Amino acid sequence: SELGKVIGGFNYRNLDDEEQFDQINTSTEYVAKVIADRLVAAIHAGTLGEGAQGIREVAVTLHESHIAWASYERGV
């Protein structure tokens, strides 16, 4: 799935070691934004299929633990 491709790049990796995140605080909030931005890009590119063209907003919530989480919402 497209979501799997987007989040797969974050699994079990130290994002501070990734060149694309050089000099960026890779907080949970920031990672939620990056995922939302990539999903919106996939919607615009048509890779999520025709049905995704009606999506007007994307919300991403990441849970660090049962009490720690961050969320990011944006328009398409």
Protein backbone atom coordinates (compact mmCIF):
# COMPACT_ATOMS: atom_id res chain seq x y z
CA SER A 1 0.00 0.00 0.00
CA GLU A 2 1.07 3.61 -0.47
CA LEU A 3 0.80 4.26 3.28
CA GLY A 4 3.07 1.27 3.90
CA LYS A 5 5.62 2.72 1.51
CA VAL A 6 5.48 6.10 3.21
CA ILE A 7 5.84 4.87 6.78
CA GLY A 8 8.13 1.97 5.94
CA GLY A 9 11.02 4.37 5.53
CA PHE A 10 10.71 5.42 9.17
CA ASN A 11 10.57 2.00 10.85
CA TYR A 12 13.46 1.10 13.13
CA ARG A 13 15.70 3.89 11.87
CA ASN A 14 17.48 6.75 13.58
CA LEU A 15 16.12 9.63 11.53
CA ASP A 16 18.84 11.94 12.80
CA ASP A 17 21.28 9.87 10.74
CA GLU A 18 19.30 10.34 7.50
CA GLU A 19 20.61 12.96 5.07
CA GLN A 20 17.11 14.24 4.28
CA PHE A 21 16.68 15.20 7.94
CA ASP A 22 20.10 16.79 8.42
CA GLN A 23 19.90 19.75 10.83
CA ILE A 24 16.20 19.06 11.56
CA ASN A 25 14.72 18.16 14.93
CA THR A 26 12.93 14.93 14.01
CA SER A 27 10.29 15.22 16.70
CA THR A 28 7.16 13.10 16.51
CA GLU A 29 5.26 16.19 15.43
CA TYR A 30 7.68 16.77 12.55
CA VAL A 31 7.52 13.15 11.41
CA ALA A 32 3.69 13.33 11.43
CA LYS A 33 3.94 16.39 9.17
CA VAL A 34 6.33 14.65 6.77
CA ILE A 35 4.01 11.64 6.52
CA ALA A 36 0.99 13.89 5.90
CA ASP A 37 2.89 15.85 3.24
CA ARG A 38 3.93 12.65 1.48
CA LEU A 39 0.38 11.30 1.53
CA VAL A 40 -0.93 14.55 0.05
CA ALA A 41 1.75 14.35 -2.65
CA ALA A 42 0.60 10.79 -3.42
CA ILE A 43 -3.01 12.01 -3.69
CA HIS A 44 -1.98 14.73 -6.14
CA ALA A 45 0.15 12.27 -8.14
CA GLY A 46 -2.79 9.86 -8.38
CA THR A 47 -0.92 6.97 -6.78
CA LEU A 48 -3.69 6.42 -4.23
CA GLY A 49 -6.22 5.87 -6.99
CA GLU A 50 -9.18 7.78 -8.33
CA GLY A 51 -11.14 7.48 -5.10
CA ALA A 52 -8.54 9.52 -3.24
CA GLN A 53 -9.21 12.57 -5.42
CA GLY A 54 -12.17 13.44 -3.18
CA ILE A 55 -10.05 13.62 -0.03
CA ARG A 56 -9.91 17.20 1.27
CA GLU A 57 -7.95 16.78 4.50
CA VAL A 58 -5.32 14.40 5.86
CA ALA A 59 -4.68 13.78 9.56
CA VAL A 60 -1.74 11.75 10.85
CA THR A 61 -1.49 10.70 14.50
CA LEU A 62 1.63 8.93 15.79
CA HIS A 63 1.74 7.20 19.16
CA GLU A 64 5.09 6.98 20.92
CA SER A 65 3.50 5.15 23.84
CA HIS A 66 0.08 4.78 25.43
CA ILE A 67 0.37 8.33 26.82
CA ALA A 68 2.64 10.15 24.35
CA TRP A 69 1.40 11.06 20.88
CA ALA A 70 1.47 13.80 18.27
CA SER A 71 -0.87 14.70 15.45
CA TYR A 72 -0.70 16.80 12.29
CA GLU A 73 -3.59 17.82 10.04
CA ARG A 74 -3.48 19.57 6.68
CA GLY A 75 -5.61 20.26 3.68
CA VAL A 76 -5.11 18.52 0.39
